[in-house]
Amino acid sequence: MMQETQFLITSTGRKIAYHKTDGAGPAVVFLGGFKSDMGGTKAVYLEEWARKNGRAFLRFDYSGHGESSGEFTDGCIGEWAADAMETIASLTTGPQILVGSSMGGWISLLVAKHMHEQVAGLVGIAAAPDFTQDSMWAGMDDAQRADLETNGVIYLPSDYGEPYAITKKLITDGRDQLVLRDALNLPFPVRLLHGTADEDVSMDVALRLLEHANGDDIRLQFIKGADHRFSDDTCLRLIHKSIHSITAAISGEE
């Protein structure tokens, strides 16, 4: 039975919607993608998996996403990462296994950077660190960059519905959140999953993250034919298998 949405009021006054499932640890926290929400296929699947397996689980919406307060165009990576960190700090106890999808992979890395003591492991699903700079800004022509500077927003086509509103704030703040330029220490089990048919985040990004991160247990798995959604039955099973792998590594069984 689907539980009722609950809300957390952050220290900045943002109203963060979440669903929390009680169970054994290490708990699992799902961090969604850009303009996605906690009602997506992967988040709901993992909640059901957690409930069946007696695992603690948390999914939530960043501000400006889903049921949380605020407008999407008012937000940026730093604020969404702050939402994630305050939500985790307020609603969970002990180290968590972070499962970050696309932008959520970047957010997970920021959480790991700023509150590593509360991270037991990390699963990246088509993780997209630094995408505002390396994909969005790098992909704009001179006219688009000038338009962004003048108007504060431009609109880029999306395969997932209406065009993306890309704000100057998003691009500018993103430069302060980059994780692939300086040392990135991940001293816990990390499992990176990436589809070979992903047209939104290149496989090169996954390889760059693997090569850049420092850690003794970081693994990257490419799934032939999987796209960016990573939501078919095979991909969903791989996600919870990756969580099991991290749990086993933590307990010394792997």
Protein backbone atom coordinates (compact mmCIF):
# COMPACT_ATOMS: atom_id res chain seq x y z
CA MET A 1 0.00 0.00 0.00
CA MET A 2 1.42 3.38 -1.06
CA GLN A 3 2.22 5.54 1.93
CA GLU A 4 1.26 9.18 2.16
CA THR A 5 3.82 11.81 1.20
CA GLN A 6 5.51 13.51 4.14
CA PHE A 7 7.29 16.86 4.20
CA LEU A 8 10.46 18.24 5.77
CA ILE A 9 10.90 21.99 6.23
CA THR A 10 14.57 22.80 5.70
CA SER A 11 16.60 25.45 7.48
CA THR A 12 16.13 27.66 4.39
CA GLY A 13 12.35 27.25 4.49
CA ARG A 14 12.06 24.86 1.56
CA LYS A 15 9.38 22.18 1.84
CA ILE A 16 10.88 18.84 0.79
CA ALA A 17 8.50 15.98 -0.05
CA TYR A 18 9.64 12.48 0.86
CA HIS A 19 8.67 8.86 1.42
CA LYS A 20 10.52 6.92 4.08
CA THR A 21 10.43 3.16 4.62
CA ASP A 22 11.64 1.74 7.92
CA GLY A 23 13.87 -1.30 7.96
CA ALA A 24 17.36 -2.63 8.50
CA GLY A 25 20.51 -0.82 7.48
CA PRO A 26 22.56 0.24 5.84
CA ALA A 27 19.67 2.30 4.55
CA VAL A 28 19.29 3.19 0.88
CA VAL A 29 18.65 6.75 -0.33
CA PHE A 30 17.53 7.40 -3.92
CA LEU A 31 18.56 10.68 -5.55
CA GLY A 32 16.72 11.48 -8.76
CA GLY A 33 17.74 13.20 -11.95
CA PHE A 34 17.36 16.61 -13.55
CA LYS A 35 13.68 17.64 -13.58
CA SER A 36 12.73 14.14 -12.44
CA ASP A 37 10.88 13.22 -9.25
CA MET A 38 10.59 10.53 -6.61
CA GLY A 39 7.63 8.95 -8.40
CA GLY A 40 9.84 7.65 -11.21
CA THR A 41 10.19 3.99 -12.10
CA LYS A 42 13.56 3.41 -10.41
CA ALA A 43 12.63 5.14 -7.15
CA VAL A 44 9.32 3.30 -6.77
CA TYR A 45 10.89 -0.04 -7.77
CA LEU A 46 13.62 0.35 -5.15
CA GLU A 47 11.09 1.27 -2.49
CA GLU A 48 9.15 -1.93 -3.22
CA TRP A 49 12.39 -3.93 -3.22
CA ALA A 50 13.40 -2.38 0.12
CA ARG A 51 10.03 -3.12 1.68
CA LYS A 52 10.12 -6.77 0.54
CA ASN A 53 13.66 -7.16 1.88
CA GLY A 54 13.18 -5.30 5.14
CA ARG A 55 15.62 -2.54 4.17
CA ALA A 56 15.34 1.08 5.24
CA PHE A 57 14.77 3.36 2.25
CA LEU A 58 14.29 7.05 1.51
CA ARG A 59 13.22 8.85 -1.67
CA PHE A 60 12.53 12.57 -1.94
CA ASP A 61 12.06 15.49 -4.32
CA TYR A 62 14.55 18.33 -4.54
CA SER A 63 13.04 21.81 -4.30
CA GLY A 64 11.38 22.77 -7.58
CA HIS A 65 10.84 19.09 -8.38
CA GLY A 66 7.81 16.85 -7.90
CA GLU A 67 5.80 17.61 -4.77
CA SER A 68 8.41 19.83 -3.11
CA SER A 69 8.06 23.60 -2.89
CA GLY A 70 9.63 26.10 -5.25
CA GLU A 71 9.99 26.60 -8.97
CA PHE A 72 12.37 24.47 -11.01
CA THR A 73 13.86 27.52 -12.73
CA ASP A 74 14.79 29.06 -9.36
CA GLY A 75 17.01 26.13 -8.42
CA CYS A 76 20.56 25.01 -9.13
CA ILE A 77 22.92 22.13 -8.37
CA GLY A 78 24.22 23.62 -5.12
CA GLU A 79 20.72 24.18 -3.73
CA TRP A 80 19.54 20.70 -4.74
CA ALA A 81 22.65 19.19 -3.15
CA ALA A 82 21.88 21.20 0.01
CA ASP A 83 18.33 19.78 -0.07
CA ALA A 84 19.77 16.27 -0.29
CA MET A 85 22.26 16.78 2.52
CA GLU A 86 19.74 18.30 4.92
CA THR A 87 17.16 15.63 4.09
CA ILE A 88 19.67 12.85 4.74
CA ALA A 89 20.95 14.49 7.92
CA SER A 90 17.43 15.05 9.25
CA LEU A 91 15.72 11.81 8.29
CA THR A 92 18.38 9.10 8.49
CA THR A 93 20.75 7.67 11.07
CA GLY A 94 24.16 6.20 10.34
CA PRO A 95 25.91 5.66 7.01
CA GLN A 96 23.65 5.37 3.95
CA ILE A 97 23.98 3.73 0.55
CA LEU A 98 23.31 6.49 -1.99
CA VAL A 99 21.74 5.56 -5.31
CA GLY A 100 22.05 8.50 -7.69
CA SER A 101 20.50 8.59 -11.16
CA SER A 102 21.94 10.96 -13.78
CA MET A 103 22.10 14.36 -12.02
CA GLY A 104 21.49 12.40 -8.82
CA GLY A 105 24.87 10.78 -9.41
CA TRP A 106 26.48 14.22 -9.29
CA ILE A 107 24.44 15.14 -6.21
CA SER A 108 25.53 11.88 -4.56
CA LEU A 109 29.18 12.75 -5.16
CA LEU A 110 28.64 16.16 -3.57
CA VAL A 111 26.98 14.52 -0.57
CA ALA A 112 29.93 12.14 -0.32
CA LYS A 113 32.33 15.09 -0.49
CA HIS A 114 30.66 17.16 2.21
CA MET A 115 29.30 14.51 4.59
CA HIS A 116 31.34 11.40 3.87
CA GLU A 117 30.79 10.05 7.37
CA GLN A 118 27.15 9.40 6.44
CA VAL A 119 27.94 7.51 3.24
CA ALA A 120 28.43 3.74 3.37
CA GLY A 121 28.46 3.21 -0.39
CA LEU A 122 27.31 4.67 -3.70
CA VAL A 123 25.55 3.37 -6.79
CA GLY A 124 25.72 5.67 -9.81
CA ILE A 125 23.17 5.09 -12.56
CA ALA A 126 24.24 6.93 -15.73
CA ALA A 127 25.90 9.39 -13.37
CA ALA A 128 26.28 12.86 -14.85
CA PRO A 129 28.84 14.81 -12.81
CA ASP A 130 29.64 18.34 -14.02
CA PHE A 131 27.04 18.17 -16.84
CA THR A 132 26.04 21.84 -16.62
CA GLN A 133 29.58 22.81 -17.65
CA ASP A 134 30.79 19.88 -19.74
CA SER A 135 27.56 19.17 -21.61
CA MET A 136 25.18 22.13 -21.46
CA TRP A 137 27.62 25.06 -21.54
CA ALA A 138 30.07 23.25 -23.81
CA GLY A 139 27.24 22.43 -26.22
CA MET A 140 25.98 26.01 -26.58
CA ASP A 141 26.96 28.13 -29.54
CA ASP A 142 27.95 31.79 -29.23
CA ALA A 143 24.40 32.99 -29.89
CA GLN A 144 22.96 30.79 -27.16
CA ARG A 145 25.59 31.90 -24.66
CA ALA A 146 24.88 35.54 -25.48
CA ASP A 147 21.14 34.91 -25.12
CA LEU A 148 21.70 33.27 -21.73
CA GLU A 149 23.80 36.20 -20.57
CA THR A 150 21.21 38.75 -21.74
CA ASN A 151 17.96 37.04 -20.75
CA GLY A 152 19.09 34.79 -17.92
CA VAL A 153 17.49 31.70 -19.48
CA ILE A 154 17.46 29.70 -22.71
CA TYR A 155 15.40 26.68 -23.71
CA LEU A 156 16.98 23.48 -24.92
CA PRO A 157 15.08 20.58 -26.54
CA SER A 158 14.35 17.52 -24.41
CA ASP A 159 13.51 13.92 -25.30
CA TYR A 160 11.38 13.75 -22.15
CA GLY A 161 8.70 16.36 -22.87
CA GLU A 162 8.74 20.15 -22.87
CA PRO A 163 12.07 21.95 -23.49
CA TYR A 164 14.47 22.36 -20.60
CA ALA A 165 14.69 25.87 -19.19
CA ILE A 166 18.42 26.41 -18.61
CA THR A 167 19.12 29.40 -16.40
CA LYS A 168 22.24 31.47 -16.00
CA LYS A 169 22.06 30.62 -12.30
CA LEU A 170 22.18 26.90 -13.08
CA ILE A 171 25.29 27.29 -15.24
CA THR A 172 27.08 29.72 -12.92
CA ASP A 173 26.38 27.75 -9.75
CA GLY A 174 27.33 24.52 -11.49
CA ARG A 175 30.88 25.80 -11.85
CA ASP A 176 31.12 25.96 -8.07
CA GLN A 177 29.98 22.33 -7.71
CA LEU A 178 32.34 20.58 -10.15
CA VAL A 179 33.74 17.28 -8.86
CA LEU A 180 35.95 16.09 -11.72
CA ARG A 181 38.54 18.88 -11.46
CA ASP A 182 39.91 18.36 -7.96
CA ALA A 183 40.57 15.29 -5.83
CA LEU A 184 37.48 13.11 -5.41
CA ASN A 185 37.89 10.64 -2.58
CA LEU A 186 35.36 7.80 -2.37
CA PRO A 187 36.60 5.60 0.49
CA PHE A 188 33.66 3.17 0.33
CA PRO A 189 32.27 0.67 -2.20
CA VAL A 190 31.13 2.34 -5.43
CA ARG A 191 29.21 0.67 -8.27
CA LEU A 192 28.74 2.64 -11.49
CA LEU A 193 26.17 1.43 -14.05
CA HIS A 194 25.98 2.89 -17.55
CA GLY A 195 24.14 1.90 -20.74
CA THR A 196 25.93 1.76 -24.09
CA ALA A 197 22.84 3.27 -25.78
CA ASP A 198 22.73 6.28 -23.44
CA GLU A 199 22.34 9.33 -25.69
CA ASP A 200 22.22 11.84 -22.82
CA VAL A 201 25.37 10.98 -20.87
CA SER A 202 28.32 9.64 -22.84
CA MET A 203 30.16 6.50 -21.76
CA ASP A 204 33.23 8.75 -21.69
CA VAL A 205 31.76 10.47 -18.62
CA ALA A 206 31.57 7.14 -16.78
CA LEU A 207 35.15 6.31 -17.74
CA ARG A 208 36.34 9.76 -16.69
CA LEU A 209 34.64 9.38 -13.30
CA LEU A 210 36.16 5.91 -12.83
CA GLU A 211 39.65 7.16 -13.66
CA HIS A 212 39.35 10.37 -11.62
CA ALA A 213 37.90 9.05 -8.35
CA ASN A 214 40.16 7.76 -5.59
CA GLY A 215 39.02 4.59 -3.83
CA ASP A 216 39.88 0.94 -3.28
CA ASP A 217 36.55 -0.52 -4.41
CA ILE A 218 35.16 1.33 -7.43
CA ARG A 219 33.67 -0.68 -10.28
CA LEU A 220 32.10 0.36 -13.58
CA GLN A 221 29.72 -1.89 -15.52
CA PHE A 222 28.53 -1.10 -19.04
CA ILE A 223 25.18 -2.63 -20.06
CA LYS A 224 24.92 -3.20 -23.78
CA GLY A 225 21.82 -1.63 -25.30
CA ALA A 226 20.61 0.12 -22.14
CA ASP A 227 19.53 3.74 -22.57
CA HIS A 228 19.60 6.70 -20.19
CA ARG A 229 16.32 5.78 -18.50
CA PHE A 230 17.88 2.54 -17.26
CA SER A 231 14.43 1.35 -16.25
CA ASP A 232 13.72 -1.97 -17.97
CA ASP A 233 13.52 -5.14 -15.89
CA THR A 234 17.14 -6.11 -16.48
CA CYS A 235 18.45 -2.69 -15.49
CA LEU A 236 16.26 -2.50 -12.40
CA ARG A 237 17.56 -5.87 -11.21
CA LEU A 238 21.14 -4.69 -11.76
CA ILE A 239 20.50 -1.72 -9.49
CA HIS A 240 19.42 -3.81 -6.52
CA LYS A 241 22.20 -6.33 -7.23
CA SER A 242 24.65 -3.45 -7.00
CA ILE A 243 23.16 -2.49 -3.63
CA HIS A 244 23.59 -6.10 -2.50
CA SER A 245 27.21 -5.99 -3.70
CA ILE A 246 27.89 -2.90 -1.61
CA THR A 247 26.17 -4.42 1.44
CA ALA A 248 28.30 -7.55 1.07
CA ALA A 249 31.48 -5.50 0.70
CA ILE A 250 30.66 -3.51 3.83
CA SER A 251 30.09 -6.70 5.83
CA GLY A 252 33.22 -8.34 4.46
CA GLU A 253 31.30 -11.07 2.65
CA GLU A 254 32.50 -10.02 -0.80
